[in-house]
Structure formats: structure tokens, C-alpha cells
Amino acid sequence: KQLKLTKASKNKHKALEKKVINNADKIIVTSPSTKTEFE
């Protein structure tokens, strides 16, 4: 949130995150809260 992102940049981050998470065969996270977020 401190990176002074434009709306377009925020959307691009979100899109890349979604693409990675949906194309990886398995995802490893380090905490239960992140697991819930990604689910």
C-alpha cells in the first residue's frame, strides 16, 4: 500500500497474482491466513 500505485497498477498486480495462483499446480503458503486469502 506504500508503493503509491495507480488504479491501473493495482489492477495489474491483482491480475498477475490471480494468473499465477490459478496456473500453478500446487501453492505453498506460510500461514493459515494466507491460505484462506488465496482460497
PDB file of all heavy atoms in Angstrom:
ATOM      1  N   LYS A   1       0.807  -1.215   0.000  1.00  0.00           N
ATOM      2  CA  LYS A   1       0.000   0.000   0.000  1.00  0.00           C
ATOM      3  C   LYS A   1       0.844   1.272   0.000  1.00  0.00           C
ATOM      4  O   LYS A   1       0.336   2.362  -0.259  1.00  0.00           O
ATOM      5  CB  LYS A   1      -0.927   0.009   1.213  1.00  0.00           C
ATOM      6  CG  LYS A   1      -2.005  -1.062   1.175  1.00  0.00           C
ATOM      7  CD  LYS A   1      -2.854  -0.999   2.419  1.00  0.00           C
ATOM      8  CE  LYS A   1      -3.954  -2.060   2.384  1.00  0.00           C
ATOM      9  NZ  LYS A   1      -4.773  -2.056   3.630  1.00  0.00           N
ATOM     10  N   GLN A   2       2.128   1.133   0.311  1.00  0.00           N
ATOM     11  CA  GLN A   2       3.008   2.294   0.392  1.00  0.00           C
ATOM     12  C   GLN A   2       3.693   2.618  -0.934  1.00  0.00           C
ATOM     13  O   GLN A   2       4.477   3.558  -1.017  1.00  0.00           O
ATOM     14  CB  GLN A   2       4.074   2.078   1.480  1.00  0.00           C
ATOM     15  CG  GLN A   2       3.491   1.951   2.890  1.00  0.00           C
ATOM     16  CD  GLN A   2       4.575   1.646   3.913  1.00  0.00           C
ATOM     17  OE1 GLN A   2       4.914   0.504   4.165  1.00  0.00           O
ATOM     18  NE2 GLN A   2       5.145   2.676   4.474  1.00  0.00           N
ATOM     19  N   LEU A   3       3.380   1.852  -1.982  1.00  0.00           N
ATOM     20  CA  LEU A   3       4.087   1.994  -3.246  1.00  0.00           C
ATOM     21  C   LEU A   3       3.479   3.053  -4.177  1.00  0.00           C
ATOM     22  O   LEU A   3       3.911   3.181  -5.314  1.00  0.00           O
ATOM     23  CB  LEU A   3       4.143   0.636  -3.966  1.00  0.00           C
ATOM     24  CG  LEU A   3       4.973  -0.441  -3.256  1.00  0.00           C
ATOM     25  CD1 LEU A   3       4.889  -1.758  -4.025  1.00  0.00           C
ATOM     26  CD2 LEU A   3       6.431  -0.010  -3.114  1.00  0.00           C
ATOM     27  N   LYS A   4       2.472   3.769  -3.699  1.00  0.00           N
ATOM     28  CA  LYS A   4       1.852   4.857  -4.471  1.00  0.00           C
ATOM     29  C   LYS A   4       1.365   4.370  -5.842  1.00  0.00           C
ATOM     30  O   LYS A   4       1.653   4.956  -6.892  1.00  0.00           O
ATOM     31  CB  LYS A   4       2.829   6.028  -4.621  1.00  0.00           C
ATOM     32  CG  LYS A   4       3.373   6.524  -3.287  1.00  0.00           C
ATOM     33  CD  LYS A   4       4.204   7.757  -3.404  1.00  0.00           C
ATOM     34  CE  LYS A   4       4.842   8.135  -2.067  1.00  0.00           C
ATOM     35  NZ  LYS A   4       3.832   8.374  -0.985  1.00  0.00           N
ATOM     36  N   LEU A   5       0.634   3.258  -5.805  1.00  0.00           N
ATOM     37  CA  LEU A   5       0.155   2.615  -7.022  1.00  0.00           C
ATOM     38  C   LEU A   5      -1.023   3.370  -7.635  1.00  0.00           C
ATOM     39  O   LEU A   5      -1.919   3.820  -6.927  1.00  0.00           O
ATOM     40  CB  LEU A   5      -0.271   1.170  -6.727  1.00  0.00           C
ATOM     41  CG  LEU A   5       0.809   0.225  -6.185  1.00  0.00           C
ATOM     42  CD1 LEU A   5       0.181  -1.093  -5.755  1.00  0.00           C
ATOM     43  CD2 LEU A   5       1.886  -0.023  -7.212  1.00  0.00           C
ATOM     44  N   THR A   6      -1.011   3.483  -8.955  1.00  0.00           N
ATOM     45  CA  THR A   6      -2.178   3.981  -9.662  1.00  0.00           C
ATOM     46  C   THR A   6      -3.228   2.874  -9.700  1.00  0.00           C
ATOM     47  O   THR A   6      -2.935   1.708  -9.413  1.00  0.00           O
ATOM     48  CB  THR A   6      -1.821   4.383 -11.101  1.00  0.00           C
ATOM     49  OG1 THR A   6      -1.404   3.200 -11.821  1.00  0.00           O
ATOM     50  CG2 THR A   6      -0.705   5.424 -11.120  1.00  0.00           C
ATOM     51  N   LYS A   7      -4.452   3.221 -10.059  1.00  0.00           N
ATOM     52  CA  LYS A   7      -5.510   2.219 -10.150  1.00  0.00           C
ATOM     53  C   LYS A   7      -5.150   1.136 -11.160  1.00  0.00           C
ATOM     54  O   LYS A   7      -5.368  -0.056 -10.921  1.00  0.00           O
ATOM     55  CB  LYS A   7      -6.833   2.891 -10.553  1.00  0.00           C
ATOM     56  CG  LYS A   7      -8.029   1.928 -10.522  1.00  0.00           C
ATOM     57  CD  LYS A   7      -9.320   2.649 -10.840  1.00  0.00           C
ATOM     58  CE  LYS A   7     -10.504   1.670 -10.808  1.00  0.00           C
ATOM     59  NZ  LYS A   7     -11.790   2.371 -11.127  1.00  0.00           N
ATOM     60  N   ALA A   8      -4.565   1.544 -12.290  1.00  0.00           N
ATOM     61  CA  ALA A   8      -4.164   0.589 -13.325  1.00  0.00           C
ATOM     62  C   ALA A   8      -3.091  -0.367 -12.805  1.00  0.00           C
ATOM     63  O   ALA A   8      -3.122  -1.571 -13.089  1.00  0.00           O
ATOM     64  CB  ALA A   8      -3.653   1.330 -14.560  1.00  0.00           C
ATOM     65  N   SER A   9      -2.154   0.159 -12.024  1.00  0.00           N
ATOM     66  CA  SER A   9      -1.086  -0.672 -11.470  1.00  0.00           C
ATOM     67  C   SER A   9      -1.631  -1.659 -10.450  1.00  0.00           C
ATOM     68  O   SER A   9      -1.215  -2.823 -10.408  1.00  0.00           O
ATOM     69  CB  SER A   9      -0.009   0.207 -10.837  1.00  0.00           C
ATOM     70  OG  SER A   9       0.631   0.997 -11.815  1.00  0.00           O
ATOM     71  N   LYS A  10      -2.566  -1.208  -9.604  1.00  0.00           N
ATOM     72  CA  LYS A  10      -3.199  -2.107  -8.634  1.00  0.00           C
ATOM     73  C   LYS A  10      -3.882  -3.263  -9.349  1.00  0.00           C
ATOM     74  O   LYS A  10      -3.752  -4.423  -8.941  1.00  0.00           O
ATOM     75  CB  LYS A  10      -4.220  -1.348  -7.791  1.00  0.00           C
ATOM     76  CG  LYS A  10      -3.623  -0.381  -6.780  1.00  0.00           C
ATOM     77  CD  LYS A  10      -4.726   0.343  -6.021  1.00  0.00           C
ATOM     78  CE  LYS A  10      -4.137   1.369  -5.057  1.00  0.00           C
ATOM     79  NZ  LYS A  10      -5.217   2.131  -4.349  1.00  0.00           N
ATOM     80  N   ASN A  11      -4.602  -2.936 -10.415  1.00  0.00           N
ATOM     81  CA  ASN A  11      -5.314  -3.964 -11.175  1.00  0.00           C
ATOM     82  C   ASN A  11      -4.342  -4.941 -11.830  1.00  0.00           C
ATOM     83  O   ASN A  11      -4.611  -6.152 -11.908  1.00  0.00           O
ATOM     84  CB  ASN A  11      -6.208  -3.320 -12.232  1.00  0.00           C
ATOM     85  CG  ASN A  11      -7.386  -2.585 -11.622  1.00  0.00           C
ATOM     86  OD1 ASN A  11      -7.792  -2.861 -10.489  1.00  0.00           O
ATOM     87  ND2 ASN A  11      -7.958  -1.647 -12.371  1.00  0.00           N
ATOM     88  N   LYS A  12      -3.219  -4.429 -12.301  1.00  0.00           N
ATOM     89  CA  LYS A  12      -2.229  -5.293 -12.943  1.00  0.00           C
ATOM     90  C   LYS A  12      -1.623  -6.268 -11.934  1.00  0.00           C
ATOM     91  O   LYS A  12      -1.440  -7.449 -12.226  1.00  0.00           O
ATOM     92  CB  LYS A  12      -1.126  -4.458 -13.598  1.00  0.00           C
ATOM     93  CG  LYS A  12      -0.189  -5.289 -14.474  1.00  0.00           C
ATOM     94  CD  LYS A  12       0.764  -4.414 -15.268  1.00  0.00           C
ATOM     95  CE  LYS A  12       1.675  -5.273 -16.150  1.00  0.00           C
ATOM     96  NZ  LYS A  12       2.617  -4.428 -16.945  1.00  0.00           N
ATOM     97  N   HIS A  13      -1.312  -5.772 -10.736  1.00  0.00           N
ATOM     98  CA  HIS A  13      -0.817  -6.645  -9.669  1.00  0.00           C
ATOM     99  C   HIS A  13      -1.830  -7.761  -9.378  1.00  0.00           C
ATOM    100  O   HIS A  13      -1.465  -8.938  -9.277  1.00  0.00           O
ATOM    101  CB  HIS A  13      -0.571  -5.838  -8.393  1.00  0.00           C
ATOM    102  CG  HIS A  13       0.789  -5.228  -8.300  1.00  0.00           C
ATOM    103  ND1 HIS A  13       1.918  -5.969  -8.008  1.00  0.00           N
ATOM    104  CD2 HIS A  13       1.202  -3.945  -8.451  1.00  0.00           C
ATOM    105  CE1 HIS A  13       2.972  -5.156  -7.975  1.00  0.00           C
ATOM    106  NE2 HIS A  13       2.567  -3.932  -8.242  1.00  0.00           N
ATOM    107  N   LYS A  14      -3.079  -7.360  -9.222  1.00  0.00           N
ATOM    108  CA  LYS A  14      -4.147  -8.323  -8.920  1.00  0.00           C
ATOM    109  C   LYS A  14      -4.282  -9.370 -10.024  1.00  0.00           C
ATOM    110  O   LYS A  14      -4.435 -10.567  -9.750  1.00  0.00           O
ATOM    111  CB  LYS A  14      -5.479  -7.580  -8.726  1.00  0.00           C
ATOM    112  CG  LYS A  14      -5.610  -6.851  -7.403  1.00  0.00           C
ATOM    113  CD  LYS A  14      -5.935  -7.817  -6.276  1.00  0.00           C
ATOM    114  CE  LYS A  14      -6.301  -7.084  -4.999  1.00  0.00           C
ATOM    115  NZ  LYS A  14      -6.532  -8.062  -3.867  1.00  0.00           N
ATOM    116  N   ALA A  15      -4.219  -8.914 -11.261  1.00  0.00           N
ATOM    117  CA  ALA A  15      -4.363  -9.824 -12.400  1.00  0.00           C
ATOM    118  C   ALA A  15      -3.207 -10.826 -12.460  1.00  0.00           C
ATOM    119  O   ALA A  15      -3.416 -12.022 -12.714  1.00  0.00           O
ATOM    120  CB  ALA A  15      -4.442  -9.021 -13.702  1.00  0.00           C
ATOM    121  N   LEU A  16      -1.983 -10.343 -12.224  1.00  0.00           N
ATOM    122  CA  LEU A  16      -0.819 -11.229 -12.235  1.00  0.00           C
ATOM    123  C   LEU A  16      -0.890 -12.236 -11.090  1.00  0.00           C
ATOM    124  O   LEU A  16      -0.591 -13.417 -11.259  1.00  0.00           O
ATOM    125  CB  LEU A  16       0.473 -10.416 -12.140  1.00  0.00           C
ATOM    126  CG  LEU A  16       0.899  -9.658 -13.403  1.00  0.00           C
ATOM    127  CD1 LEU A  16       2.112  -8.764 -13.106  1.00  0.00           C
ATOM    128  CD2 LEU A  16       1.225 -10.628 -14.534  1.00  0.00           C
ATOM    129  N   GLU A  17      -1.279 -11.749  -9.916  1.00  0.00           N
ATOM    130  CA  GLU A  17      -1.424 -12.628  -8.756  1.00  0.00           C
ATOM    131  C   GLU A  17      -2.425 -13.744  -9.053  1.00  0.00           C
ATOM    132  O   GLU A  17      -2.154 -14.930  -8.805  1.00  0.00           O
ATOM    133  CB  GLU A  17      -1.878 -11.808  -7.543  1.00  0.00           C
ATOM    134  CG  GLU A  17      -2.144 -12.626  -6.287  1.00  0.00           C
ATOM    135  CD  GLU A  17      -2.734 -11.782  -5.180  1.00  0.00           C
ATOM    136  OE1 GLU A  17      -3.743 -11.065  -5.437  1.00  0.00           O
ATOM    137  OE2 GLU A  17      -2.202 -11.820  -4.061  1.00  0.00           O
ATOM    138  N   LYS A  18      -3.579 -13.374  -9.598  1.00  0.00           N
ATOM    139  CA  LYS A  18      -4.623 -14.350  -9.917  1.00  0.00           C
ATOM    140  C   LYS A  18      -4.141 -15.348 -10.960  1.00  0.00           C
ATOM    141  O   LYS A  18      -4.410 -16.556 -10.849  1.00  0.00           O
ATOM    142  CB  LYS A  18      -5.878 -13.624 -10.409  1.00  0.00           C
ATOM    143  CG  LYS A  18      -7.087 -14.536 -10.584  1.00  0.00           C
ATOM    144  CD  LYS A  18      -8.321 -13.729 -10.945  1.00  0.00           C
ATOM    145  CE  LYS A  18      -9.545 -14.650 -11.081  1.00  0.00           C
ATOM    146  NZ  LYS A  18     -10.766 -13.859 -11.416  1.00  0.00           N
ATOM    147  N   LYS A  19      -3.418 -14.866 -11.964  1.00  0.00           N
ATOM    148  CA  LYS A  19      -2.931 -15.741 -13.038  1.00  0.00           C
ATOM    149  C   LYS A  19      -1.937 -16.763 -12.485  1.00  0.00           C
ATOM    150  O   LYS A  19      -1.990 -17.950 -12.835  1.00  0.00           O
ATOM    151  CB  LYS A  19      -2.286 -14.908 -14.145  1.00  0.00           C
ATOM    152  CG  LYS A  19      -2.036 -15.692 -15.431  1.00  0.00           C
ATOM    153  CD  LYS A  19      -1.589 -14.760 -16.548  1.00  0.00           C
ATOM    154  CE  LYS A  19      -1.410 -15.560 -17.856  1.00  0.00           C
ATOM    155  NZ  LYS A  19      -0.989 -14.684 -18.967  1.00  0.00           N
ATOM    156  N   VAL A  20      -1.027 -16.305 -11.636  1.00  0.00           N
ATOM    157  CA  VAL A  20      -0.043 -17.211 -11.029  1.00  0.00           C
ATOM    158  C   VAL A  20      -0.738 -18.260 -10.173  1.00  0.00           C
ATOM    159  O   VAL A  20      -0.493 -19.463 -10.305  1.00  0.00           O
ATOM    160  CB  VAL A  20       0.983 -16.413 -10.188  1.00  0.00           C
ATOM    161  CG1 VAL A  20       1.761 -17.347  -9.261  1.00  0.00           C
ATOM    162  CG2 VAL A  20       1.941 -15.649 -11.091  1.00  0.00           C
ATOM    163  N   ILE A  21      -1.610 -17.808  -9.297  1.00  0.00           N
ATOM    164  CA  ILE A  21      -2.257 -18.710  -8.348  1.00  0.00           C
ATOM    165  C   ILE A  21      -3.152 -19.733  -9.054  1.00  0.00           C
ATOM    166  O   ILE A  21      -3.263 -20.880  -8.613  1.00  0.00           O
ATOM    167  CB  ILE A  21      -3.055 -17.892  -7.301  1.00  0.00           C
ATOM    168  CG1 ILE A  21      -2.085 -17.149  -6.383  1.00  0.00           C
ATOM    169  CG2 ILE A  21      -3.959 -18.785  -6.473  1.00  0.00           C
ATOM    170  CD1 ILE A  21      -2.756 -16.187  -5.431  1.00  0.00           C
ATOM    171  N   ASN A  22      -3.744 -19.359 -10.161  1.00  0.00           N
ATOM    172  CA  ASN A  22      -4.641 -20.274 -10.868  1.00  0.00           C
ATOM    173  C   ASN A  22      -3.932 -21.189 -11.865  1.00  0.00           C
ATOM    174  O   ASN A  22      -4.544 -22.133 -12.371  1.00  0.00           O
ATOM    175  CB  ASN A  22      -5.744 -19.494 -11.583  1.00  0.00           C
ATOM    176  CG  ASN A  22      -6.866 -19.091 -10.644  1.00  0.00           C
ATOM    177  OD1 ASN A  22      -7.699 -19.900 -10.267  1.00  0.00           O
ATOM    178  ND2 ASN A  22      -6.866 -17.822 -10.246  1.00  0.00           N
ATOM    179  N   ASN A  23      -2.662 -20.921 -12.137  1.00  0.00           N
ATOM    180  CA  ASN A  23      -1.940 -21.754 -13.095  1.00  0.00           C
ATOM    181  C   ASN A  23      -0.900 -22.665 -12.449  1.00  0.00           C
ATOM    182  O   ASN A  23      -0.481 -23.647 -13.067  1.00  0.00           O
ATOM    183  CB  ASN A  23      -1.278 -20.887 -14.163  1.00  0.00           C
ATOM    184  CG  ASN A  23      -2.271 -20.426 -15.231  1.00  0.00           C
ATOM    185  OD1 ASN A  23      -2.577 -21.130 -16.192  1.00  0.00           O
ATOM    186  ND2 ASN A  23      -2.801 -19.216 -15.042  1.00  0.00           N
ATOM    187  N   ALA A  24      -0.492 -22.348 -11.250  1.00  0.00           N
ATOM    188  CA  ALA A  24       0.414 -23.239 -10.528  1.00  0.00           C
ATOM    189  C   ALA A  24      -0.316 -24.535 -10.190  1.00  0.00           C
ATOM    190  O   ALA A  24      -1.506 -24.533  -9.875  1.00  0.00           O
ATOM    191  CB  ALA A  24       0.924 -22.562  -9.261  1.00  0.00           C
ATOM    192  N   ASP A  25       0.399 -25.662 -10.260  1.00  0.00           N
ATOM    193  CA  ASP A  25      -0.219 -26.948  -9.931  1.00  0.00           C
ATOM    194  C   ASP A  25      -0.483 -27.071  -8.431  1.00  0.00           C
ATOM    195  O   ASP A  25      -1.480 -27.649  -8.015  1.00  0.00           O
ATOM    196  CB  ASP A  25       0.691 -28.096 -10.393  1.00  0.00           C
ATOM    197  CG  ASP A  25       0.819 -28.139 -11.904  1.00  0.00           C
ATOM    198  OD1 ASP A  25      -0.159 -28.522 -12.566  1.00  0.00           O
ATOM    199  OD2 ASP A  25       1.894 -27.767 -12.420  1.00  0.00           O
ATOM    200  N   LYS A  26       0.434 -26.533  -7.634  1.00  0.00           N
ATOM    201  CA  LYS A  26       0.263 -26.512  -6.184  1.00  0.00           C
ATOM    202  C   LYS A  26       0.789 -25.183  -5.659  1.00  0.00           C
ATOM    203  O   LYS A  26       1.708 -24.592  -6.228  1.00  0.00           O
ATOM    204  CB  LYS A  26       1.028 -27.667  -5.514  1.00  0.00           C
ATOM    205  CG  LYS A  26       0.476 -29.059  -5.788  1.00  0.00           C
ATOM    206  CD  LYS A  26       1.215 -30.095  -4.945  1.00  0.00           C
ATOM    207  CE  LYS A  26       0.648 -31.510  -5.180  1.00  0.00           C
ATOM    208  NZ  LYS A  26       1.056 -32.036  -6.484  1.00  0.00           N
ATOM    209  N   ILE A  27       0.192 -24.741  -4.580  1.00  0.00           N
ATOM    210  CA  ILE A  27       0.605 -23.490  -3.954  1.00  0.00           C
ATOM    211  C   ILE A  27       0.985 -23.777  -2.506  1.00  0.00           C
ATOM    212  O   ILE A  27       0.265 -24.473  -1.792  1.00  0.00           O
ATOM    213  CB  ILE A  27      -0.526 -22.446  -4.005  1.00  0.00           C
ATOM    214  CG1 ILE A  27      -0.891 -22.145  -5.465  1.00  0.00           C
ATOM    215  CG2 ILE A  27      -0.128 -21.159  -3.278  1.00  0.00           C
ATOM    216  CD1 ILE A  27      -2.308 -21.737  -5.647  1.00  0.00           C
ATOM    217  N   ILE A  28       2.122 -23.235  -2.091  1.00  0.00           N
ATOM    218  CA  ILE A  28       2.556 -23.335  -0.698  1.00  0.00           C
ATOM    219  C   ILE A  28       2.523 -21.944  -0.086  1.00  0.00           C
ATOM    220  O   ILE A  28       2.992 -20.975  -0.685  1.00  0.00           O
ATOM    221  CB  ILE A  28       3.985 -23.915  -0.577  1.00  0.00           C
ATOM    222  CG1 ILE A  28       4.064 -25.307  -1.199  1.00  0.00           C
ATOM    223  CG2 ILE A  28       4.403 -23.975   0.893  1.00  0.00           C
ATOM    224  CD1 ILE A  28       5.488 -25.862  -1.237  1.00  0.00           C
ATOM    225  N   VAL A  29       1.968 -21.841   1.103  1.00  0.00           N
ATOM    226  CA  VAL A  29       1.974 -20.589   1.853  1.00  0.00           C
ATOM    227  C   VAL A  29       2.531 -20.861   3.243  1.00  0.00           C
ATOM    228  O   VAL A  29       2.650 -22.012   3.667  1.00  0.00           O
ATOM    229  CB  VAL A  29       0.564 -19.968   1.940  1.00  0.00           C
ATOM    230  CG1 VAL A  29       0.060 -19.578   0.566  1.00  0.00           C
ATOM    231  CG2 VAL A  29      -0.417 -20.933   2.615  1.00  0.00           C
ATOM    232  N   THR A  30       2.863 -19.802   3.955  1.00  0.00           N
ATOM    233  CA  THR A  30       3.496 -19.974   5.264  1.00  0.00           C
ATOM    234  C   THR A  30       2.557 -19.755   6.431  1.00  0.00           C
ATOM    235  O   THR A  30       2.969 -19.879   7.580  1.00  0.00           O
ATOM    236  CB  THR A  30       4.700 -19.011   5.408  1.00  0.00           C
ATOM    237  OG1 THR A  30       4.248 -17.668   5.233  1.00  0.00           O
ATOM    238  CG2 THR A  30       5.786 -19.326   4.376  1.00  0.00           C
ATOM    239  N   SER A  31       1.284 -19.438   6.150  1.00  0.00           N
ATOM    240  CA  SER A  31       0.351 -19.187   7.251  1.00  0.00           C
ATOM    241  C   SER A  31      -1.074 -19.576   6.869  1.00  0.00           C
ATOM    242  O   SER A  31      -1.445 -19.514   5.692  1.00  0.00           O
ATOM    243  CB  SER A  31       0.386 -17.708   7.653  1.00  0.00           C
ATOM    244  OG  SER A  31      -0.289 -16.914   6.685  1.00  0.00           O
ATOM    245  N   PRO A  32      -1.891 -19.945   7.854  1.00  0.00           N
ATOM    246  CA  PRO A  32      -3.296 -20.267   7.586  1.00  0.00           C
ATOM    247  C   PRO A  32      -4.077 -19.095   7.000  1.00  0.00           C
ATOM    248  O   PRO A  32      -4.964 -19.293   6.163  1.00  0.00           O
ATOM    249  CB  PRO A  32      -3.833 -20.653   8.975  1.00  0.00           C
ATOM    250  CG  PRO A  32      -2.634 -21.097   9.749  1.00  0.00           C
ATOM    251  CD  PRO A  32      -1.509 -20.226   9.257  1.00  0.00           C
ATOM    252  N   SER A  33      -3.764 -17.862   7.429  1.00  0.00           N
ATOM    253  CA  SER A  33      -4.500 -16.698   6.928  1.00  0.00           C
ATOM    254  C   SER A  33      -4.266 -16.479   5.437  1.00  0.00           C
ATOM    255  O   SER A  33      -5.185 -16.127   4.697  1.00  0.00           O
ATOM    256  CB  SER A  33      -4.113 -15.440   7.712  1.00  0.00           C
ATOM    257  OG  SER A  33      -4.593 -15.491   9.031  1.00  0.00           O
ATOM    258  N   THR A  34      -3.022 -16.692   4.991  1.00  0.00           N
ATOM    259  CA  THR A  34      -2.740 -16.569   3.561  1.00  0.00           C
ATOM    260  C   THR A  34      -3.456 -17.658   2.773  1.00  0.00           C
ATOM    261  O   THR A  34      -3.951 -17.426   1.672  1.00  0.00           O
ATOM    262  CB  THR A  34      -1.219 -16.629   3.297  1.00  0.00           C
ATOM    263  OG1 THR A  34      -0.548 -15.635   4.074  1.00  0.00           O
ATOM    264  CG2 THR A  34      -0.918 -16.380   1.818  1.00  0.00           C
ATOM    265  N   LYS A  35      -3.530 -18.854   3.340  1.00  0.00           N
ATOM    266  CA  LYS A  35      -4.268 -19.935   2.693  1.00  0.00           C
ATOM    267  C   LYS A  35      -5.732 -19.532   2.496  1.00  0.00           C
ATOM    268  O   LYS A  35      -6.288 -19.708   1.397  1.00  0.00           O
ATOM    269  CB  LYS A  35      -4.184 -21.220   3.513  1.00  0.00           C
ATOM    270  CG  LYS A  35      -4.965 -22.376   2.885  1.00  0.00           C
ATOM    271  CD  LYS A  35      -4.889 -23.645   3.719  1.00  0.00           C
ATOM    272  CE  LYS A  35      -5.681 -24.768   3.040  1.00  0.00           C
ATOM    273  NZ  LYS A  35      -5.660 -26.033   3.814  1.00  0.00           N
ATOM    274  N   THR A  36      -6.342 -18.995   3.540  1.00  0.00           N
ATOM    275  CA  THR A  36      -7.734 -18.551   3.459  1.00  0.00           C
ATOM    276  C   THR A  36      -7.896 -17.464   2.391  1.00  0.00           C
ATOM    277  O   THR A  36      -8.854 -17.473   1.617  1.00  0.00           O
ATOM    278  CB  THR A  36      -8.213 -18.034   4.825  1.00  0.00           C
ATOM    279  OG1 THR A  36      -8.093 -19.077   5.796  1.00  0.00           O
ATOM    280  CG2 THR A  36      -9.669 -17.585   4.761  1.00  0.00           C
ATOM    281  N   GLU A  37      -6.961 -16.521   2.363  1.00  0.00           N
ATOM    282  CA  GLU A  37      -7.000 -15.437   1.376  1.00  0.00           C
ATOM    283  C   GLU A  37      -6.948 -15.991  -0.049  1.00  0.00           C
ATOM    284  O   GLU A  37      -7.755 -15.624  -0.905  1.00  0.00           O
ATOM    285  CB  GLU A  37      -5.821 -14.493   1.602  1.00  0.00           C
ATOM    286  CG  GLU A  37      -5.699 -13.392   0.543  1.00  0.00           C
ATOM    287  CD  GLU A  37      -4.354 -12.691   0.588  1.00  0.00           C
ATOM    288  OE1 GLU A  37      -3.712 -12.699   1.655  1.00  0.00           O
ATOM    289  OE2 GLU A  37      -3.928 -12.141  -0.457  1.00  0.00           O
ATOM    290  N   PHE A  38      -6.011 -16.894  -0.310  1.00  0.00           N
ATOM    291  CA  PHE A  38      -5.835 -17.439  -1.653  1.00  0.00           C
ATOM    292  C   PHE A  38      -6.987 -18.348  -2.062  1.00  0.00           C
ATOM    293  O   PHE A  38      -7.292 -18.476  -3.253  1.00  0.00           O
ATOM    294  CB  PHE A  38      -4.508 -18.186  -1.748  1.00  0.00           C
ATOM    295  CG  PHE A  38      -3.298 -17.287  -1.869  1.00  0.00           C
ATOM    296  CD1 PHE A  38      -3.424 -15.917  -1.859  1.00  0.00           C
ATOM    297  CD2 PHE A  38      -2.024 -17.823  -2.006  1.00  0.00           C
ATOM    298  CE1 PHE A  38      -2.315 -15.079  -1.963  1.00  0.00           C
ATOM    299  CE2 PHE A  38      -0.904 -17.009  -2.119  1.00  0.00           C
ATOM    300  CZ  PHE A  38      -1.056 -15.631  -2.092  1.00  0.00           C
ATOM    301  N   GLU A  39      -7.628 -18.995  -1.097  1.00  0.00           N
ATOM    302  CA  GLU A  39      -8.771 -19.859  -1.418  1.00  0.00           C
ATOM    303  C   GLU A  39      -9.931 -19.057  -1.997  1.00  0.00           C
ATOM    304  O   GLU A  39     -10.807 -19.619  -2.647  1.00  0.00           O
ATOM    305  CB  GLU A  39      -9.207 -20.631  -0.165  1.00  0.00           C
ATOM    306  CG  GLU A  39      -8.277 -21.809   0.161  1.00  0.00           C
ATOM    307  CD  GLU A  39      -8.627 -22.503   1.472  1.00  0.00           C
ATOM    308  OE1 GLU A  39      -9.320 -21.878   2.315  1.00  0.00           O
ATOM    309  OE2 GLU A  39      -8.199 -23.657   1.678  1.00  0.00           O
TER     310      GLU A  39
END
